[in-house]
Amino acid sequence: MTLLLDECIDQRFAGELAGHEVKTVPQMGWAGKKNGELIRLAQGRFDAFVTVDRNLSSQQNLPAPGLAVVVLIAPSNRLMDLRPLAAELLEKLAGLQPGSVTTIP
């Protein structure tokens, strides 16, 4: 599965997602883009967009056709707070449907 990590997620979190192709927003050259534009850019290039932005669903017209969105709920966007969510994220990736919005935990 191809995953795009939002720029607000510690890029080292990609190392927790073994077995998947993971890119970050800055790696794609999309840093500073608004969420709506990021979602449009990711559609057709990625299977899922992973973010910690809890307001994303109220800001954007979701679901996004062809792209699953995963919102990680953690105390902060620091790696130590995100790392405990990696196992559940990996478990749920197999069942993600395009256009779905999933919240973890």
N, C-alpha and C. Protein backbone atom coordinates (compact mmCIF):
# COMPACT_ATOMS: atom_id res chain seq x y z
N MET A 1 0.85 -1.17 0.00
CA MET A 1 0.00 0.00 0.00
C MET A 1 0.90 1.23 0.00
N THR A 2 0.50 2.26 -0.72
CA THR A 2 1.26 3.51 -0.75
C THR A 2 0.59 4.52 0.18
N LEU A 3 1.41 5.07 1.09
CA LEU A 3 0.90 5.97 2.12
C LEU A 3 1.56 7.33 2.00
N LEU A 4 0.79 8.38 2.24
CA LEU A 4 1.31 9.73 2.31
C LEU A 4 1.13 10.23 3.73
N LEU A 5 2.24 10.58 4.40
CA LEU A 5 2.18 11.12 5.75
C LEU A 5 2.11 12.64 5.67
N ASP A 6 1.17 13.21 6.37
CA ASP A 6 1.02 14.65 6.44
C ASP A 6 2.29 15.27 7.01
N GLU A 7 2.56 16.51 6.66
CA GLU A 7 3.80 17.15 7.11
C GLU A 7 3.85 17.37 8.61
N CYS A 8 2.72 17.31 9.28
CA CYS A 8 2.71 17.50 10.73
C CYS A 8 3.08 16.23 11.49
N ILE A 9 3.25 15.12 10.78
CA ILE A 9 3.65 13.86 11.41
C ILE A 9 5.17 13.73 11.33
N ASP A 10 5.79 13.37 12.44
CA ASP A 10 7.23 13.15 12.48
C ASP A 10 7.60 12.15 11.38
N GLN A 11 8.49 12.55 10.48
CA GLN A 11 8.82 11.70 9.33
C GLN A 11 9.43 10.37 9.73
N ARG A 12 9.97 10.26 10.93
CA ARG A 12 10.53 8.99 11.40
C ARG A 12 9.44 7.95 11.62
N PHE A 13 8.19 8.39 11.71
CA PHE A 13 7.06 7.46 11.86
C PHE A 13 6.97 6.52 10.65
N ALA A 14 7.46 6.94 9.51
CA ALA A 14 7.46 6.10 8.31
C ALA A 14 8.18 4.78 8.58
N GLY A 15 9.22 4.81 9.41
CA GLY A 15 9.96 3.59 9.74
C GLY A 15 9.15 2.58 10.53
N GLU A 16 8.04 3.01 11.11
CA GLU A 16 7.16 2.12 11.86
C GLU A 16 6.18 1.37 10.94
N LEU A 17 6.17 1.72 9.67
CA LEU A 17 5.17 1.19 8.74
C LEU A 17 5.81 0.26 7.71
N ALA A 18 6.59 -0.67 8.21
CA ALA A 18 7.30 -1.62 7.34
C ALA A 18 6.32 -2.37 6.45
N GLY A 19 6.77 -2.64 5.24
CA GLY A 19 5.95 -3.38 4.28
C GLY A 19 5.09 -2.49 3.41
N HIS A 20 5.18 -1.19 3.62
CA HIS A 20 4.39 -0.25 2.83
C HIS A 20 5.31 0.81 2.25
N GLU A 21 4.93 1.34 1.11
CA GLU A 21 5.67 2.45 0.52
C GLU A 21 5.15 3.74 1.15
N VAL A 22 6.02 4.43 1.87
CA VAL A 22 5.60 5.62 2.61
C VAL A 22 6.39 6.83 2.15
N LYS A 23 5.69 7.87 1.83
CA LYS A 23 6.28 9.17 1.48
C LYS A 23 5.70 10.21 2.41
N THR A 24 6.46 11.28 2.61
CA THR A 24 5.95 12.39 3.40
C THR A 24 5.60 13.55 2.47
N VAL A 25 4.75 14.43 2.96
CA VAL A 25 4.37 15.60 2.17
C VAL A 25 5.62 16.38 1.73
N PRO A 26 6.59 16.66 2.64
CA PRO A 26 7.79 17.37 2.19
C PRO A 26 8.59 16.61 1.12
N GLN A 27 8.67 15.28 1.24
CA GLN A 27 9.38 14.50 0.22
C GLN A 27 8.75 14.67 -1.16
N MET A 28 7.45 14.84 -1.18
CA MET A 28 6.74 15.02 -2.45
C MET A 28 6.84 16.45 -2.97
N GLY A 29 7.41 17.35 -2.17
CA GLY A 29 7.50 18.75 -2.58
C GLY A 29 6.21 19.51 -2.35
N TRP A 30 5.36 19.00 -1.47
CA TRP A 30 4.05 19.59 -1.26
C TRP A 30 3.92 20.31 0.08
N ALA A 31 5.03 20.57 0.75
CA ALA A 31 4.99 21.25 2.06
C ALA A 31 4.29 22.60 1.91
N GLY A 32 3.50 22.93 2.90
CA GLY A 32 2.79 24.21 2.90
C GLY A 32 1.46 24.21 2.18
N LYS A 33 1.14 23.12 1.50
CA LYS A 33 -0.15 23.03 0.80
C LYS A 33 -1.28 22.83 1.80
N LYS A 34 -2.42 23.36 1.51
CA LYS A 34 -3.60 23.19 2.35
C LYS A 34 -4.11 21.75 2.20
N ASN A 35 -4.86 21.28 3.20
CA ASN A 35 -5.34 19.89 3.20
C ASN A 35 -6.13 19.53 1.95
N GLY A 36 -7.02 20.42 1.52
CA GLY A 36 -7.82 20.11 0.33
C GLY A 36 -6.96 19.87 -0.89
N GLU A 37 -5.95 20.70 -1.07
CA GLU A 37 -5.05 20.53 -2.20
C GLU A 37 -4.22 19.27 -2.05
N LEU A 38 -3.76 18.98 -0.83
CA LEU A 38 -3.00 17.75 -0.59
C LEU A 38 -3.82 16.52 -0.97
N ILE A 39 -5.06 16.52 -0.57
CA ILE A 39 -5.92 15.37 -0.87
C ILE A 39 -6.10 15.23 -2.38
N ARG A 40 -6.30 16.33 -3.06
CA ARG A 40 -6.44 16.26 -4.53
C ARG A 40 -5.14 15.75 -5.18
N LEU A 41 -3.99 16.23 -4.70
CA LEU A 41 -2.71 15.77 -5.24
C LEU A 41 -2.47 14.29 -4.96
N ALA A 42 -2.89 13.83 -3.79
CA ALA A 42 -2.65 12.43 -3.39
C ALA A 42 -3.56 11.44 -4.12
N GLN A 43 -4.73 11.89 -4.53
CA GLN A 43 -5.67 10.99 -5.21
C GLN A 43 -5.02 10.44 -6.48
N GLY A 44 -5.09 9.13 -6.63
CA GLY A 44 -4.52 8.48 -7.80
C GLY A 44 -3.04 8.17 -7.67
N ARG A 45 -2.36 8.76 -6.68
CA ARG A 45 -0.94 8.49 -6.45
C ARG A 45 -0.71 7.66 -5.20
N PHE A 46 -1.62 7.79 -4.22
CA PHE A 46 -1.48 7.11 -2.94
C PHE A 46 -2.77 6.38 -2.62
N ASP A 47 -2.64 5.34 -1.80
CA ASP A 47 -3.82 4.61 -1.34
C ASP A 47 -4.44 5.28 -0.12
N ALA A 48 -3.57 5.89 0.73
CA ALA A 48 -4.08 6.50 1.96
C ALA A 48 -3.26 7.72 2.35
N PHE A 49 -3.94 8.67 2.96
CA PHE A 49 -3.34 9.88 3.51
C PHE A 49 -3.46 9.77 5.02
N VAL A 50 -2.32 9.85 5.73
CA VAL A 50 -2.29 9.70 7.17
C VAL A 50 -1.98 11.05 7.80
N THR A 51 -2.82 11.48 8.75
CA THR A 51 -2.68 12.79 9.36
C THR A 51 -3.01 12.72 10.85
N VAL A 52 -2.68 13.77 11.57
CA VAL A 52 -3.11 13.91 12.96
C VAL A 52 -4.10 15.07 13.08
N ASP A 53 -4.49 15.62 11.96
CA ASP A 53 -5.41 16.77 11.92
C ASP A 53 -6.84 16.30 12.18
N ARG A 54 -7.29 16.46 13.41
CA ARG A 54 -8.62 16.00 13.81
C ARG A 54 -9.73 16.79 13.14
N ASN A 55 -9.44 17.96 12.64
CA ASN A 55 -10.45 18.80 12.01
C ASN A 55 -10.56 18.57 10.51
N LEU A 56 -9.77 17.68 9.99
CA LEU A 56 -9.74 17.47 8.54
C LEU A 56 -11.12 17.18 7.97
N SER A 57 -11.87 16.30 8.60
CA SER A 57 -13.16 15.91 8.04
C SER A 57 -14.16 17.06 8.05
N SER A 58 -14.01 18.00 8.98
CA SER A 58 -14.93 19.14 8.99
C SER A 58 -14.46 20.24 8.05
N GLN A 59 -13.19 20.22 7.65
CA GLN A 59 -12.65 21.24 6.77
C GLN A 59 -12.80 20.87 5.30
N GLN A 60 -12.83 19.60 5.00
CA GLN A 60 -12.79 19.14 3.61
C GLN A 60 -14.06 18.37 3.26
N ASN A 61 -14.27 18.24 1.97
CA ASN A 61 -15.36 17.41 1.48
C ASN A 61 -14.87 15.97 1.41
N LEU A 62 -15.03 15.27 2.51
CA LEU A 62 -14.64 13.87 2.55
C LEU A 62 -15.89 13.02 2.52
N PRO A 63 -15.85 11.84 2.00
CA PRO A 63 -14.70 11.09 1.58
C PRO A 63 -14.13 11.58 0.24
N ALA A 64 -12.85 11.25 0.04
CA ALA A 64 -12.16 11.59 -1.19
C ALA A 64 -12.12 10.34 -2.07
N PRO A 65 -12.76 10.38 -3.23
CA PRO A 65 -12.78 9.19 -4.09
C PRO A 65 -11.36 8.67 -4.37
N GLY A 66 -11.18 7.38 -4.19
CA GLY A 66 -9.92 6.75 -4.51
C GLY A 66 -8.83 6.89 -3.45
N LEU A 67 -9.12 7.59 -2.36
CA LEU A 67 -8.11 7.81 -1.34
C LEU A 67 -8.71 7.60 0.05
N ALA A 68 -8.12 6.70 0.82
CA ALA A 68 -8.53 6.53 2.21
C ALA A 68 -7.80 7.57 3.04
N VAL A 69 -8.47 8.06 4.06
CA VAL A 69 -7.88 9.03 4.98
C VAL A 69 -7.87 8.39 6.37
N VAL A 70 -6.70 8.46 7.03
CA VAL A 70 -6.56 7.92 8.37
C VAL A 70 -6.14 9.07 9.28
N VAL A 71 -6.92 9.28 10.34
CA VAL A 71 -6.62 10.32 11.32
C VAL A 71 -6.11 9.63 12.59
N LEU A 72 -4.87 9.92 12.96
CA LEU A 72 -4.29 9.37 14.17
C LEU A 72 -4.61 10.31 15.33
N ILE A 73 -5.19 9.75 16.39
CA ILE A 73 -5.52 10.54 17.58
C ILE A 73 -4.45 10.24 18.63
N ALA A 74 -3.60 11.22 18.88
CA ALA A 74 -2.50 11.08 19.83
C ALA A 74 -2.37 12.38 20.62
N PRO A 75 -1.72 12.32 21.78
CA PRO A 75 -1.55 13.53 22.58
C PRO A 75 -0.76 14.63 21.85
N SER A 76 0.15 14.21 20.96
CA SER A 76 0.92 15.17 20.17
C SER A 76 1.35 14.49 18.86
N ASN A 77 2.05 15.22 18.03
CA ASN A 77 2.53 14.63 16.78
C ASN A 77 3.98 14.14 16.91
N ARG A 78 4.47 14.06 18.14
CA ARG A 78 5.82 13.56 18.37
C ARG A 78 5.86 12.05 18.18
N LEU A 79 7.02 11.57 17.75
CA LEU A 79 7.18 10.14 17.47
C LEU A 79 6.80 9.28 18.66
N MET A 80 7.19 9.68 19.86
CA MET A 80 6.89 8.87 21.05
C MET A 80 5.38 8.74 21.29
N ASP A 81 4.60 9.70 20.84
CA ASP A 81 3.15 9.62 20.98
C ASP A 81 2.49 8.89 19.82
N LEU A 82 3.13 8.90 18.66
CA LEU A 82 2.57 8.24 17.47
C LEU A 82 2.93 6.75 17.42
N ARG A 83 4.11 6.42 17.90
CA ARG A 83 4.60 5.03 17.81
C ARG A 83 3.60 4.00 18.35
N PRO A 84 2.92 4.25 19.49
CA PRO A 84 1.96 3.25 19.99
C PRO A 84 0.77 3.01 19.04
N LEU A 85 0.53 3.91 18.11
CA LEU A 85 -0.59 3.74 17.18
C LEU A 85 -0.21 2.95 15.93
N ALA A 86 1.08 2.71 15.74
CA ALA A 86 1.55 2.06 14.51
C ALA A 86 0.96 0.67 14.31
N ALA A 87 0.91 -0.15 15.37
CA ALA A 87 0.40 -1.52 15.23
C ALA A 87 -1.06 -1.51 14.78
N GLU A 88 -1.88 -0.65 15.37
CA GLU A 88 -3.28 -0.60 14.97
C GLU A 88 -3.42 -0.06 13.55
N LEU A 89 -2.60 0.92 13.19
CA LEU A 89 -2.63 1.44 11.83
C LEU A 89 -2.28 0.33 10.84
N LEU A 90 -1.22 -0.41 11.11
CA LEU A 90 -0.82 -1.50 10.22
C LEU A 90 -1.93 -2.54 10.08
N GLU A 91 -2.59 -2.84 11.18
CA GLU A 91 -3.69 -3.81 11.16
C GLU A 91 -4.85 -3.32 10.30
N LYS A 92 -5.16 -2.04 10.39
CA LYS A 92 -6.31 -1.50 9.67
C LYS A 92 -6.03 -1.21 8.20
N LEU A 93 -4.77 -1.07 7.82
CA LEU A 93 -4.44 -0.74 6.44
C LEU A 93 -4.99 -1.77 5.46
N ALA A 94 -4.92 -3.04 5.82
CA ALA A 94 -5.37 -4.10 4.92
C ALA A 94 -6.85 -3.97 4.58
N GLY A 95 -7.64 -3.43 5.49
CA GLY A 95 -9.08 -3.34 5.26
C GLY A 95 -9.57 -1.97 4.82
N LEU A 96 -8.66 -1.02 4.62
CA LEU A 96 -9.10 0.32 4.22
C LEU A 96 -9.73 0.30 2.84
N GLN A 97 -10.80 1.03 2.71
CA GLN A 97 -11.49 1.14 1.44
C GLN A 97 -11.24 2.54 0.86
N PRO A 98 -11.03 2.64 -0.44
CA PRO A 98 -10.89 3.97 -1.04
C PRO A 98 -12.09 4.83 -0.69
N GLY A 99 -11.82 6.06 -0.30
CA GLY A 99 -12.90 6.99 0.05
C GLY A 99 -13.31 6.93 1.50
N SER A 100 -12.73 6.02 2.27
CA SER A 100 -13.09 5.89 3.68
C SER A 100 -12.30 6.86 4.54
N VAL A 101 -12.85 7.17 5.70
CA VAL A 101 -12.16 7.97 6.72
C VAL A 101 -12.12 7.12 7.98
N THR A 102 -10.92 6.84 8.47
CA THR A 102 -10.73 5.98 9.64
C THR A 102 -10.00 6.77 10.71
N THR A 103 -10.44 6.61 11.94
CA THR A 103 -9.78 7.25 13.08
C THR A 103 -9.13 6.18 13.94
N ILE A 104 -7.89 6.43 14.34
CA ILE A 104 -7.13 5.50 15.20
C ILE A 104 -6.65 6.32 16.38
N PRO A 105 -6.91 5.98 17.63
CA PRO A 105 -7.51 4.76 18.10
C PRO A 105 -9.01 4.82 18.04
